[in-house]
Amino acid sequence: MVIELVDPRGRPADVSGARLAVRPATPVRLGFLVNEPGRVAGPSFGRYAEVLDGWLRDRFAITAPAVTGFKPVLSRRADADLLDRYSECSAVVNGLAK
């Protein structure tokens, strides 16, 4: 019997020729990407993100609305369309509350 270990993140993307985004010294727009939107028991990352958003807004005087999205499947990486929504964000918090 052969056992194959599968990486839940999928195959790595080809990043040759890609460059990192320029990050300002002070964030101007925040993004939150929730890994498990339908969670009904236990802590909620969506609620945690709301609290963190408020704290970061106060700390850095951020006025632009936050970008929020949900990955439809926890074990798969976010698709390009979803990630494009975060292109103008200074910082993105991705998570899951357990």
Foldseek 3Di string as FASTA:
>chain_A
DDDDDDQLADDDDDCVVPDDDDADPFWAEEEEEELDVPDDDDDFVVVVVVVVVVVSCVVRVHDDYYHYYYDPHNSYDRDPVNVVSCPNGNYYHYDYGD
